[in-house]
Amino acid sequence: MTGVAALCVPDATFDARLREVLRSDVEFIELIGDDLVAAGGKRVRPLLVLLAAQALGAQPGSGLAGGWGDVLDLGVGVELLHSASLLHDDLIDDADTRRGQQAAFRRFGNVVSVMSGDFMLSRLLVLLSGMPGGPALTRMFGQTASVICEGEVLQFQLAAYQEYEVRHYLQVIHGKTAALTELAASAPAVLLGAPAHVREALATFGREYGMAFQMQDDLLDLAGDEAVIGKPVGGDLREGKATLPVLALLDGPHGSEVRDIVERRAAQPGDVERVRLLAAQFGALDRTREEIRRRAQLAIDALGALPLSEARAALEGLARREIERLT
């Protein structure tokens, strides 16, 4: 995933530890945990943890404060927080599938899905309690969890009140995505006792990378090729969400028309196609691409506070990939 073979990334060892932490005597919880491990996914967030730790000098088997076992557990903890939020999100969004599998709440019911997410959060607390710097890390995870919740609720609030502003959009995507990538990149600095300026540099990297990542997903939702992204375009419009290219259109000559489409959740035939056309015609897509480039470059620049290493290069590569996906 990183292109640097010498680096430790989430692999079978990570999955084994994740499975161990999720072990339960309750069959339904065990099955949901097994599905989480088996589904895999990109593991972007634990990857950030492992790369950031290695950029700070930690290596498997090293004797640094925290040790590699704690680094691995920190990656597991980030994945637990992410997975718990997905279990809850799927129920809220009435989703049918997750990573190609039937959504947990459809398979086991609402109560089992919600409580299994809570079970993951409880196991996360246990992990953090045994780490060096446990109180500080617990505070970081707790603050991130609250930001995630606020972002999700704000998204529904904005659609209900039909409030469409860039500042609100940025707050939503920070909560949905960037808060967790910010945590993943910066928590290893706390675990390993890095200086404050290094912690802030990694936090900036994680935040700006996450913002670029989510903006990219939102751009593809409107302008992508269905055959490539694997789902119908226009999903955000159909949910009444105004993403960055749509917000750019609202300030243009066709703003009233686009607002009507967003407010009726693209319910009429041709609504999505009309917004796609306007976004391309009036430069909304290009402005969004430029903002993605800017955010990704901010992420790369932040890593200048770290010494040169393969791990730093791998982190930079993740941000550069968001720029490359625009071409």
C-alpha atoms as a PDB file:
ATOM      1  CA  MET A   1       0.000   0.000   0.000  1.00  0.00           C
ATOM      2  CA  THR A   2       2.837   2.391   0.753  1.00  0.00           C
ATOM      3  CA  GLY A   3       5.197   1.363  -2.008  1.00  0.00           C
ATOM      4  CA  VAL A   4       8.000   1.037   0.580  1.00  0.00           C
ATOM      5  CA  ALA A   5       8.559  -2.631   1.283  1.00  0.00           C
ATOM      6  CA  ALA A   6      10.708  -2.110   4.393  1.00  0.00           C
ATOM      7  CA  LEU A   7       7.888  -0.513   6.363  1.00  0.00           C
ATOM      8  CA  CYS A   8       5.530  -2.273   8.738  1.00  0.00           C
ATOM      9  CA  VAL A   9       1.918  -1.831   7.609  1.00  0.00           C
ATOM     10  CA  PRO A  10      -1.379  -3.431   8.727  1.00  0.00           C
ATOM     11  CA  ASP A  11      -1.089  -7.120   7.831  1.00  0.00           C
ATOM     12  CA  ALA A  12      -1.944 -10.562   9.232  1.00  0.00           C
ATOM     13  CA  THR A  13      -0.307  -9.653  12.538  1.00  0.00           C
ATOM     14  CA  PHE A  14      -2.522  -6.583  12.836  1.00  0.00           C
ATOM     15  CA  ASP A  15      -5.620  -8.601  11.946  1.00  0.00           C
ATOM     16  CA  ALA A  16      -4.751 -11.250  14.529  1.00  0.00           C
ATOM     17  CA  ARG A  17      -4.431  -8.622  17.242  1.00  0.00           C
ATOM     18  CA  LEU A  18      -7.694  -6.978  16.172  1.00  0.00           C
ATOM     19  CA  ARG A  19      -9.440 -10.343  16.319  1.00  0.00           C
ATOM     20  CA  GLU A  20      -7.964 -11.015  19.778  1.00  0.00           C
ATOM     21  CA  VAL A  21      -9.186  -7.679  21.141  1.00  0.00           C
ATOM     22  CA  LEU A  22     -12.681  -8.299  19.745  1.00  0.00           C
ATOM     23  CA  ARG A  23     -12.972 -11.794  21.233  1.00  0.00           C
ATOM     24  CA  SER A  24     -16.284 -12.389  23.022  1.00  0.00           C
ATOM     25  CA  ASP A  25     -18.204 -15.317  24.484  1.00  0.00           C
ATOM     26  CA  VAL A  26     -21.386 -13.885  22.935  1.00  0.00           C
ATOM     27  CA  GLU A  27     -21.809 -15.413  19.492  1.00  0.00           C
ATOM     28  CA  PHE A  28     -23.427 -12.456  17.727  1.00  0.00           C
ATOM     29  CA  ILE A  29     -20.725 -10.037  18.947  1.00  0.00           C
ATOM     30  CA  GLU A  30     -18.076 -12.561  17.930  1.00  0.00           C
ATOM     31  CA  LEU A  31     -19.592 -12.896  14.447  1.00  0.00           C
ATOM     32  CA  ILE A  32     -19.669  -9.143  13.913  1.00  0.00           C
ATOM     33  CA  GLY A  33     -16.042  -8.946  15.027  1.00  0.00           C
ATOM     34  CA  ASP A  34     -15.102 -11.774  12.670  1.00  0.00           C
ATOM     35  CA  ASP A  35     -16.856  -9.966   9.809  1.00  0.00           C
ATOM     36  CA  LEU A  36     -14.910  -6.802  10.589  1.00  0.00           C
ATOM     37  CA  VAL A  37     -11.586  -8.614  10.436  1.00  0.00           C
ATOM     38  CA  ALA A  38     -12.492 -10.674   7.371  1.00  0.00           C
ATOM     39  CA  ALA A  39     -13.806  -7.663   5.428  1.00  0.00           C
ATOM     40  CA  GLY A  40     -10.442  -5.982   5.791  1.00  0.00           C
ATOM     41  CA  GLY A  41     -10.799  -2.769   3.832  1.00  0.00           C
ATOM     42  CA  LYS A  42      -8.040  -0.291   3.131  1.00  0.00           C
ATOM     43  CA  ARG A  43      -7.071   0.049   6.822  1.00  0.00           C
ATOM     44  CA  VAL A  44      -6.071   3.648   6.053  1.00  0.00           C
ATOM     45  CA  ARG A  45      -6.403   4.843   9.638  1.00  0.00           C
ATOM     46  CA  PRO A  46      -4.266   2.155  11.302  1.00  0.00           C
ATOM     47  CA  LEU A  47      -1.832   2.582   8.410  1.00  0.00           C
ATOM     48  CA  LEU A  48      -1.451   6.225   9.415  1.00  0.00           C
ATOM     49  CA  VAL A  49      -0.749   5.145  12.992  1.00  0.00           C
ATOM     50  CA  LEU A  50       1.970   2.689  11.981  1.00  0.00           C
ATOM     51  CA  LEU A  51       3.613   5.026   9.467  1.00  0.00           C
ATOM     52  CA  ALA A  52       3.572   7.994  11.859  1.00  0.00           C
ATOM     53  CA  ALA A  53       5.137   5.866  14.596  1.00  0.00           C
ATOM     54  CA  GLN A  54       7.866   4.688  12.233  1.00  0.00           C
ATOM     55  CA  ALA A  55       8.468   8.264  11.068  1.00  0.00           C
ATOM     56  CA  LEU A  56       9.148   9.030  14.744  1.00  0.00           C
ATOM     57  CA  GLY A  57      11.686   6.217  14.963  1.00  0.00           C
ATOM     58  CA  ALA A  58       9.607   3.338  16.314  1.00  0.00           C
ATOM     59  CA  GLN A  59      10.209  -0.079  14.771  1.00  0.00           C
ATOM     60  CA  PRO A  60       8.944  -3.598  15.483  1.00  0.00           C
ATOM     61  CA  GLY A  61      10.971  -4.954  18.384  1.00  0.00           C
ATOM     62  CA  SER A  62      12.367  -1.536  19.306  1.00  0.00           C
ATOM     63  CA  GLY A  63      12.890  -0.539  22.920  1.00  0.00           C
ATOM     64  CA  LEU A  64      11.412   2.945  22.558  1.00  0.00           C
ATOM     65  CA  ALA A  65       8.906   4.189  25.102  1.00  0.00           C
ATOM     66  CA  GLY A  66       5.606   2.567  24.333  1.00  0.00           C
ATOM     67  CA  GLY A  67       7.177  -0.309  22.407  1.00  0.00           C
ATOM     68  CA  TRP A  68       5.863  -1.687  19.145  1.00  0.00           C
ATOM     69  CA  GLY A  69       3.120  -3.672  20.871  1.00  0.00           C
ATOM     70  CA  ASP A  70       1.588  -0.428  22.088  1.00  0.00           C
ATOM     71  CA  VAL A  71       1.917   1.100  18.621  1.00  0.00           C
ATOM     72  CA  LEU A  72       0.068  -1.860  17.173  1.00  0.00           C
ATOM     73  CA  ASP A  73      -2.624  -1.564  19.838  1.00  0.00           C
ATOM     74  CA  LEU A  74      -2.954   2.134  19.058  1.00  0.00           C
ATOM     75  CA  GLY A  75      -3.679   1.193  15.441  1.00  0.00           C
ATOM     76  CA  VAL A  76      -6.213  -1.368  16.622  1.00  0.00           C
ATOM     77  CA  GLY A  77      -7.814   1.284  18.833  1.00  0.00           C
ATOM     78  CA  VAL A  78      -8.235   3.683  15.910  1.00  0.00           C
ATOM     79  CA  GLU A  79      -9.794   0.901  13.853  1.00  0.00           C
ATOM     80  CA  LEU A  80     -12.176   0.075  16.722  1.00  0.00           C
ATOM     81  CA  LEU A  81     -13.379   3.688  16.908  1.00  0.00           C
ATOM     82  CA  HIS A  82     -13.807   3.794  13.146  1.00  0.00           C
ATOM     83  CA  SER A  83     -15.636   0.459  12.997  1.00  0.00           C
ATOM     84  CA  ALA A  84     -17.961   1.335  15.875  1.00  0.00           C
ATOM     85  CA  SER A  85     -18.950   4.529  14.084  1.00  0.00           C
ATOM     86  CA  LEU A  86     -19.618   2.555  10.885  1.00  0.00           C
ATOM     87  CA  LEU A  87     -21.912   0.122  12.696  1.00  0.00           C
ATOM     88  CA  HIS A  88     -23.924   3.062  13.970  1.00  0.00           C
ATOM     89  CA  ASP A  89     -23.779   4.941  10.646  1.00  0.00           C
ATOM     90  CA  ASP A  90     -25.118   1.991   8.663  1.00  0.00           C
ATOM     91  CA  LEU A  91     -28.153   1.854  10.907  1.00  0.00           C
ATOM     92  CA  ILE A  92     -28.708   5.615  10.688  1.00  0.00           C
ATOM     93  CA  ASP A  93     -28.278   5.610   6.895  1.00  0.00           C
ATOM     94  CA  ASP A  94     -30.416   2.480   6.437  1.00  0.00           C
ATOM     95  CA  ALA A  95     -27.547   0.958   4.436  1.00  0.00           C
ATOM     96  CA  ASP A  96     -27.865  -2.455   2.832  1.00  0.00           C
ATOM     97  CA  THR A  97     -24.196  -3.403   2.677  1.00  0.00           C
ATOM     98  CA  ARG A  98     -20.807  -2.579   4.171  1.00  0.00           C
ATOM     99  CA  ARG A  99     -17.612  -3.563   2.326  1.00  0.00           C
ATOM    100  CA  GLY A 100     -19.550  -5.908   0.086  1.00  0.00           C
ATOM    101  CA  GLN A 101     -21.276  -7.708   2.970  1.00  0.00           C
ATOM    102  CA  GLN A 102     -24.772  -7.363   4.375  1.00  0.00           C
ATOM    103  CA  ALA A 103     -24.883  -4.563   6.945  1.00  0.00           C
ATOM    104  CA  ALA A 104     -24.723  -5.880  10.510  1.00  0.00           C
ATOM    105  CA  PHE A 105     -28.066  -4.406  11.598  1.00  0.00           C
ATOM    106  CA  ARG A 106     -29.821  -6.127   8.690  1.00  0.00           C
ATOM    107  CA  ARG A 107     -28.263  -9.454   9.613  1.00  0.00           C
ATOM    108  CA  PHE A 108     -28.575  -9.282  13.402  1.00  0.00           C
ATOM    109  CA  GLY A 109     -31.021  -6.457  14.141  1.00  0.00           C
ATOM    110  CA  ASN A 110     -30.700  -2.921  15.450  1.00  0.00           C
ATOM    111  CA  VAL A 111     -30.007  -3.737  19.097  1.00  0.00           C
ATOM    112  CA  VAL A 112     -27.193  -6.183  18.346  1.00  0.00           C
ATOM    113  CA  SER A 113     -25.561  -3.792  15.891  1.00  0.00           C
ATOM    114  CA  VAL A 114     -25.658  -0.792  18.236  1.00  0.00           C
ATOM    115  CA  MET A 115     -24.509  -2.765  21.271  1.00  0.00           C
ATOM    116  CA  SER A 116     -21.690  -4.368  19.271  1.00  0.00           C
ATOM    117  CA  GLY A 117     -20.503  -0.896  18.357  1.00  0.00           C
ATOM    118  CA  ASP A 118     -20.606   0.028  22.031  1.00  0.00           C
ATOM    119  CA  PHE A 119     -18.693  -3.182  22.813  1.00  0.00           C
ATOM    120  CA  MET A 120     -15.922  -2.024  20.447  1.00  0.00           C
ATOM    121  CA  LEU A 121     -15.771   1.324  22.210  1.00  0.00           C
ATOM    122  CA  SER A 122     -15.485  -0.412  25.588  1.00  0.00           C
ATOM    123  CA  ARG A 123     -12.610  -2.563  24.322  1.00  0.00           C
ATOM    124  CA  LEU A 124     -10.971   0.611  23.053  1.00  0.00           C
ATOM    125  CA  LEU A 125     -11.072   2.078  26.558  1.00  0.00           C
ATOM    126  CA  VAL A 126      -9.438  -1.048  27.949  1.00  0.00           C
ATOM    127  CA  LEU A 127      -6.632  -0.788  25.383  1.00  0.00           C
ATOM    128  CA  LEU A 128      -5.982   2.874  26.141  1.00  0.00           C
ATOM    129  CA  SER A 129      -5.948   2.315  29.894  1.00  0.00           C
ATOM    130  CA  GLY A 130      -2.881   0.098  29.631  1.00  0.00           C
ATOM    131  CA  MET A 131      -0.768   2.369  27.415  1.00  0.00           C
ATOM    132  CA  PRO A 132       1.930   4.857  28.388  1.00  0.00           C
ATOM    133  CA  GLY A 133       0.247   8.244  28.334  1.00  0.00           C
ATOM    134  CA  GLY A 134      -3.116   6.545  28.740  1.00  0.00           C
ATOM    135  CA  PRO A 135      -4.970   9.572  30.215  1.00  0.00           C
ATOM    136  CA  ALA A 136      -3.804  11.880  27.412  1.00  0.00           C
ATOM    137  CA  LEU A 137      -4.627   9.310  24.739  1.00  0.00           C
ATOM    138  CA  THR A 138      -8.043   8.628  26.266  1.00  0.00           C
ATOM    139  CA  ARG A 139      -8.744  12.358  26.188  1.00  0.00           C
ATOM    140  CA  MET A 140      -7.730  12.506  22.516  1.00  0.00           C
ATOM    141  CA  PHE A 141      -9.926   9.572  21.564  1.00  0.00           C
ATOM    142  CA  GLY A 142     -12.844  10.948  23.573  1.00  0.00           C
ATOM    143  CA  GLN A 143     -12.582  14.360  21.957  1.00  0.00           C
ATOM    144  CA  THR A 144     -12.417  12.774  18.516  1.00  0.00           C
ATOM    145  CA  ALA A 145     -15.460  10.614  19.211  1.00  0.00           C
ATOM    146  CA  SER A 146     -17.461  13.691  20.196  1.00  0.00           C
ATOM    147  CA  VAL A 147     -16.405  15.512  17.004  1.00  0.00           C
ATOM    148  CA  ILE A 148     -17.461  12.502  14.922  1.00  0.00           C
ATOM    149  CA  CYS A 149     -20.886  12.479  16.570  1.00  0.00           C
ATOM    150  CA  GLU A 150     -21.318  16.219  16.116  1.00  0.00           C
ATOM    151  CA  GLY A 151     -20.368  16.004  12.447  1.00  0.00           C
ATOM    152  CA  GLU A 152     -22.883  13.265  11.752  1.00  0.00           C
ATOM    153  CA  VAL A 153     -25.721  15.047  13.549  1.00  0.00           C
ATOM    154  CA  LEU A 154     -24.835  18.392  11.949  1.00  0.00           C
ATOM    155  CA  GLN A 155     -25.090  16.802   8.514  1.00  0.00           C
ATOM    156  CA  PHE A 156     -28.684  15.781   9.197  1.00  0.00           C
ATOM    157  CA  GLN A 157     -29.439  19.139  10.803  1.00  0.00           C
ATOM    158  CA  LEU A 158     -28.219  21.083   7.776  1.00  0.00           C
ATOM    159  CA  ALA A 159     -30.328  18.963   5.412  1.00  0.00           C
ATOM    160  CA  ALA A 160     -33.390  19.414   7.638  1.00  0.00           C
ATOM    161  CA  TYR A 161     -32.941  23.191   7.940  1.00  0.00           C
ATOM    162  CA  GLN A 162     -31.732  23.520   4.324  1.00  0.00           C
ATOM    163  CA  GLU A 163     -28.669  25.479   5.424  1.00  0.00           C
ATOM    164  CA  TYR A 164     -25.938  25.403   2.799  1.00  0.00           C
ATOM    165  CA  GLU A 165     -22.650  27.129   3.642  1.00  0.00           C
ATOM    166  CA  VAL A 166     -19.021  26.198   3.052  1.00  0.00           C
ATOM    167  CA  ARG A 167     -18.153  26.627   6.738  1.00  0.00           C
ATOM    168  CA  HIS A 168     -20.803  24.064   7.662  1.00  0.00           C
ATOM    169  CA  TYR A 169     -19.613  21.671   4.967  1.00  0.00           C
ATOM    170  CA  LEU A 170     -16.036  21.871   6.273  1.00  0.00           C
ATOM    171  CA  GLN A 171     -17.242  21.167   9.807  1.00  0.00           C
ATOM    172  CA  VAL A 172     -19.177  18.126   8.608  1.00  0.00           C
ATOM    173  CA  ILE A 173     -16.324  16.531   6.661  1.00  0.00           C
ATOM    174  CA  HIS A 174     -13.921  17.217   9.499  1.00  0.00           C
ATOM    175  CA  GLY A 175     -16.251  15.269  11.761  1.00  0.00           C
ATOM    176  CA  LYS A 176     -16.974  12.516   9.239  1.00  0.00           C
ATOM    177  CA  THR A 177     -13.403  11.857   8.158  1.00  0.00           C
ATOM    178  CA  ALA A 178     -10.629  14.282   9.051  1.00  0.00           C
ATOM    179  CA  ALA A 179     -10.991  14.150  12.838  1.00  0.00           C
ATOM    180  CA  LEU A 180     -10.170  10.444  12.823  1.00  0.00           C
ATOM    181  CA  THR A 181      -7.243  10.721  10.382  1.00  0.00           C
ATOM    182  CA  GLU A 182      -5.940  13.604  12.511  1.00  0.00           C
ATOM    183  CA  LEU A 183      -6.118  11.355  15.569  1.00  0.00           C
ATOM    184  CA  ALA A 184      -4.483   8.446  13.761  1.00  0.00           C
ATOM    185  CA  ALA A 185      -1.529  10.542  12.624  1.00  0.00           C
ATOM    186  CA  SER A 186      -0.948  12.435  15.883  1.00  0.00           C
ATOM    187  CA  ALA A 187      -1.687   9.856  18.602  1.00  0.00           C
ATOM    188  CA  PRO A 188       1.647   8.029  18.029  1.00  0.00           C
ATOM    189  CA  ALA A 189       3.442  11.280  18.896  1.00  0.00           C
ATOM    190  CA  VAL A 190       1.710  11.261  22.291  1.00  0.00           C
ATOM    191  CA  LEU A 191       2.426   7.581  22.844  1.00  0.00           C
ATOM    192  CA  LEU A 192       6.103   7.990  21.980  1.00  0.00           C
ATOM    193  CA  GLY A 193       6.606  11.305  23.807  1.00  0.00           C
ATOM    194  CA  ALA A 194       7.449  13.400  20.737  1.00  0.00           C
ATOM    195  CA  PRO A 195       7.873  17.183  21.085  1.00  0.00           C
ATOM    196  CA  ALA A 196       4.794  19.388  20.837  1.00  0.00           C
ATOM    197  CA  HIS A 197       5.739  20.832  17.431  1.00  0.00           C
ATOM    198  CA  VAL A 198       6.012  17.322  16.002  1.00  0.00           C
ATOM    199  CA  ARG A 199       2.621  16.358  17.424  1.00  0.00           C
ATOM    200  CA  GLU A 200       1.090  19.457  15.827  1.00  0.00           C
ATOM    201  CA  ALA A 201       2.774  18.729  12.493  1.00  0.00           C
ATOM    202  CA  LEU A 202       1.349  15.218  12.417  1.00  0.00           C
ATOM    203  CA  ALA A 203      -2.070  16.510  13.492  1.00  0.00           C
ATOM    204  CA  THR A 204      -2.002  19.018  10.620  1.00  0.00           C
ATOM    205  CA  PHE A 205      -0.989  16.294   8.193  1.00  0.00           C
ATOM    206  CA  GLY A 206      -3.779  13.985   9.314  1.00  0.00           C
ATOM    207  CA  ARG A 207      -6.401  16.729   9.291  1.00  0.00           C
ATOM    208  CA  GLU A 208      -5.547  18.137   5.850  1.00  0.00           C
ATOM    209  CA  TYR A 209      -5.107  14.678   4.332  1.00  0.00           C
ATOM    210  CA  GLY A 210      -8.511  13.662   5.698  1.00  0.00           C
ATOM    211  CA  MET A 211     -10.158  16.804   4.341  1.00  0.00           C
ATOM    212  CA  ALA A 212      -8.656  16.204   0.888  1.00  0.00           C
ATOM    213  CA  PHE A 213      -9.686  12.541   1.039  1.00  0.00           C
ATOM    214  CA  GLN A 214     -13.326  13.356   1.843  1.00  0.00           C
ATOM    215  CA  MET A 215     -13.510  16.165  -0.712  1.00  0.00           C
ATOM    216  CA  GLN A 216     -12.257  13.680  -3.277  1.00  0.00           C
ATOM    217  CA  ASP A 217     -14.996  11.199  -2.370  1.00  0.00           C
ATOM    218  CA  ASP A 218     -17.601  13.950  -2.570  1.00  0.00           C
ATOM    219  CA  LEU A 219     -16.295  15.052  -5.958  1.00  0.00           C
ATOM    220  CA  LEU A 220     -16.473  11.500  -7.286  1.00  0.00           C
ATOM    221  CA  ASP A 221     -20.015  11.146  -5.954  1.00  0.00           C
ATOM    222  CA  LEU A 222     -21.063  13.933  -8.316  1.00  0.00           C
ATOM    223  CA  ALA A 223     -18.625  13.747 -11.211  1.00  0.00           C
ATOM    224  CA  GLY A 224     -17.334  10.172 -11.104  1.00  0.00           C
ATOM    225  CA  ASP A 225     -17.911   7.264 -13.451  1.00  0.00           C
ATOM    226  CA  GLU A 226     -20.393   4.791 -11.971  1.00  0.00           C
ATOM    227  CA  ALA A 227     -18.469   1.875 -13.495  1.00  0.00           C
ATOM    228  CA  VAL A 228     -15.313   3.018 -11.722  1.00  0.00           C
ATOM    229  CA  ILE A 229     -16.653   4.078  -8.308  1.00  0.00           C
ATOM    230  CA  GLY A 230     -18.995   1.071  -8.109  1.00  0.00           C
ATOM    231  CA  LYS A 231     -22.148   2.945  -7.111  1.00  0.00           C
ATOM    232  CA  PRO A 232     -24.647   5.371  -8.661  1.00  0.00           C
ATOM    233  CA  VAL A 233     -23.507   8.982  -8.792  1.00  0.00           C
ATOM    234  CA  GLY A 234     -25.507  11.700  -7.075  1.00  0.00           C
ATOM    235  CA  GLY A 235     -26.027   9.926  -3.772  1.00  0.00           C
ATOM    236  CA  ASP A 236     -25.266  13.074  -1.780  1.00  0.00           C
ATOM    237  CA  LEU A 237     -27.790  15.099  -3.774  1.00  0.00           C
ATOM    238  CA  ARG A 238     -30.447  12.456  -3.147  1.00  0.00           C
ATOM    239  CA  GLU A 239     -29.791  12.810   0.588  1.00  0.00           C
ATOM    240  CA  GLY A 240     -30.075  16.600   0.482  1.00  0.00           C
ATOM    241  CA  LYS A 241     -26.345  17.152   1.067  1.00  0.00           C
ATOM    242  CA  ALA A 242     -24.615  20.129  -0.527  1.00  0.00           C
ATOM    243  CA  THR A 243     -20.972  19.185  -1.110  1.00  0.00           C
ATOM    244  CA  LEU A 244     -18.231  21.580  -2.222  1.00  0.00           C
ATOM    245  CA  PRO A 245     -18.969  21.657  -5.984  1.00  0.00           C
ATOM    246  CA  VAL A 246     -22.682  22.119  -5.289  1.00  0.00           C
ATOM    247  CA  LEU A 247     -21.956  24.939  -2.850  1.00  0.00           C
ATOM    248  CA  ALA A 248     -19.904  26.647  -5.557  1.00  0.00           C
ATOM    249  CA  LEU A 249     -22.927  26.485  -7.875  1.00  0.00           C
ATOM    250  CA  LEU A 250     -25.238  27.991  -5.269  1.00  0.00           C
ATOM    251  CA  ASP A 251     -23.286  31.255  -5.528  1.00  0.00           C
ATOM    252  CA  GLY A 252     -23.539  31.313  -9.337  1.00  0.00           C
ATOM    253  CA  PRO A 253     -26.148  32.285 -11.927  1.00  0.00           C
ATOM    254  CA  HIS A 254     -28.014  28.996 -11.556  1.00  0.00           C
ATOM    255  CA  GLY A 255     -27.995  29.057  -7.773  1.00  0.00           C
ATOM    256  CA  SER A 256     -31.776  29.075  -7.361  1.00  0.00           C
ATOM    257  CA  GLU A 257     -32.204  26.109  -9.682  1.00  0.00           C
ATOM    258  CA  VAL A 258     -29.514  24.096  -7.922  1.00  0.00           C
ATOM    259  CA  ARG A 259     -30.934  24.960  -4.502  1.00  0.00           C
ATOM    260  CA  ASP A 260     -34.332  23.660  -5.594  1.00  0.00           C
ATOM    261  CA  ILE A 261     -32.748  20.390  -6.713  1.00  0.00           C
ATOM    262  CA  VAL A 262     -30.910  19.965  -3.401  1.00  0.00           C
ATOM    263  CA  GLU A 263     -34.006  20.806  -1.373  1.00  0.00           C
ATOM    264  CA  ARG A 264     -36.149  18.255  -3.223  1.00  0.00           C
ATOM    265  CA  ARG A 265     -33.263  15.757  -2.912  1.00  0.00           C
ATOM    266  CA  ALA A 266     -32.879  15.317  -6.668  1.00  0.00           C
ATOM    267  CA  ALA A 267     -36.266  13.596  -6.785  1.00  0.00           C
ATOM    268  CA  GLN A 268     -37.124  14.527 -10.367  1.00  0.00           C
ATOM    269  CA  PRO A 269     -35.735  12.746 -13.440  1.00  0.00           C
ATOM    270  CA  GLY A 270     -32.643  14.468 -14.769  1.00  0.00           C
ATOM    271  CA  ASP A 271     -31.858  16.377 -11.565  1.00  0.00           C
ATOM    272  CA  VAL A 272     -28.482  14.735 -10.961  1.00  0.00           C
ATOM    273  CA  GLU A 273     -27.497  15.039 -14.609  1.00  0.00           C
ATOM    274  CA  ARG A 274     -28.400  18.731 -14.593  1.00  0.00           C
ATOM    275  CA  VAL A 275     -26.200  19.475 -11.589  1.00  0.00           C
ATOM    276  CA  ARG A 276     -23.351  17.447 -13.104  1.00  0.00           C
ATOM    277  CA  LEU A 277     -23.592  19.489 -16.288  1.00  0.00           C
ATOM    278  CA  LEU A 278     -23.693  22.835 -14.483  1.00  0.00           C
ATOM    279  CA  ALA A 279     -20.783  21.872 -12.225  1.00  0.00           C
ATOM    280  CA  ALA A 280     -18.615  21.095 -15.253  1.00  0.00           C
ATOM    281  CA  GLN A 281     -19.810  24.082 -17.267  1.00  0.00           C
ATOM    282  CA  PHE A 282     -19.319  26.743 -14.584  1.00  0.00           C
ATOM    283  CA  GLY A 283     -16.024  25.548 -13.105  1.00  0.00           C
ATOM    284  CA  ALA A 284     -17.358  24.103  -9.834  1.00  0.00           C
ATOM    285  CA  LEU A 285     -15.535  20.829 -10.427  1.00  0.00           C
ATOM    286  CA  ASP A 286     -12.261  22.593 -11.216  1.00  0.00           C
ATOM    287  CA  ARG A 287     -12.534  24.757  -8.087  1.00  0.00           C
ATOM    288  CA  THR A 288     -13.109  21.653  -6.012  1.00  0.00           C
ATOM    289  CA  ARG A 289     -10.087  19.945  -7.569  1.00  0.00           C
ATOM    290  CA  GLU A 290      -7.959  22.977  -6.748  1.00  0.00           C
ATOM    291  CA  GLU A 291      -9.065  22.887  -3.120  1.00  0.00           C
ATOM    292  CA  ILE A 292      -8.200  19.186  -2.930  1.00  0.00           C
ATOM    293  CA  ARG A 293      -4.728  19.949  -4.319  1.00  0.00           C
ATOM    294  CA  ARG A 294      -4.296  22.755  -1.796  1.00  0.00           C
ATOM    295  CA  ARG A 295      -5.307  20.591   1.166  1.00  0.00           C
ATOM    296  CA  ALA A 296      -3.104  17.697   0.066  1.00  0.00           C
ATOM    297  CA  GLN A 297      -0.129  20.024  -0.328  1.00  0.00           C
ATOM    298  CA  LEU A 298      -0.718  21.463   3.149  1.00  0.00           C
ATOM    299  CA  ALA A 299      -0.557  17.897   4.463  1.00  0.00           C
ATOM    300  CA  ILE A 300       2.708  17.235   2.649  1.00  0.00           C
ATOM    301  CA  ASP A 301       4.245  20.525   3.798  1.00  0.00           C
ATOM    302  CA  ALA A 302       3.391  19.787   7.440  1.00  0.00           C
ATOM    303  CA  LEU A 303       5.654  16.738   7.371  1.00  0.00           C
ATOM    304  CA  GLY A 304       8.677  19.005   6.914  1.00  0.00           C
ATOM    305  CA  ALA A 305       8.903  19.056  10.716  1.00  0.00           C
ATOM    306  CA  LEU A 306       9.843  15.359  10.679  1.00  0.00           C
ATOM    307  CA  PRO A 307      13.241  13.944   9.685  1.00  0.00           C
ATOM    308  CA  LEU A 308      13.535  12.385   6.245  1.00  0.00           C
ATOM    309  CA  SER A 309      12.684   8.682   6.280  1.00  0.00           C
ATOM    310  CA  GLU A 310      10.916   6.005   4.300  1.00  0.00           C
ATOM    311  CA  ALA A 311       7.922   6.324   6.612  1.00  0.00           C
ATOM    312  CA  ARG A 312       7.680  10.089   6.053  1.00  0.00           C
ATOM    313  CA  ALA A 313       7.917   9.501   2.294  1.00  0.00           C
ATOM    314  CA  ALA A 314       5.105   6.964   2.551  1.00  0.00           C
ATOM    315  CA  LEU A 315       2.901   9.454   4.402  1.00  0.00           C
ATOM    316  CA  GLU A 316       3.648  12.078   1.762  1.00  0.00           C
ATOM    317  CA  GLY A 317       2.736   9.506  -0.881  1.00  0.00           C
ATOM    318  CA  LEU A 318      -0.729   9.053   0.614  1.00  0.00           C
ATOM    319  CA  ALA A 319      -1.410  12.783   0.250  1.00  0.00           C
ATOM    320  CA  ARG A 320       0.087  12.926  -3.243  1.00  0.00           C
ATOM    321  CA  ARG A 321      -2.205  10.110  -4.293  1.00  0.00           C
ATOM    322  CA  GLU A 322      -5.208  12.376  -3.705  1.00  0.00           C
ATOM    323  CA  ILE A 323      -3.683  14.833  -6.182  1.00  0.00           C
ATOM    324  CA  GLU A 324      -2.925  12.073  -8.678  1.00  0.00           C
ATOM    325  CA  ARG A 325      -6.507  10.823  -8.513  1.00  0.00           C
ATOM    326  CA  LEU A 326      -7.572  14.197  -9.958  1.00  0.00           C
ATOM    327  CA  THR A 327      -5.708  13.678 -13.245  1.00  0.00           C
END
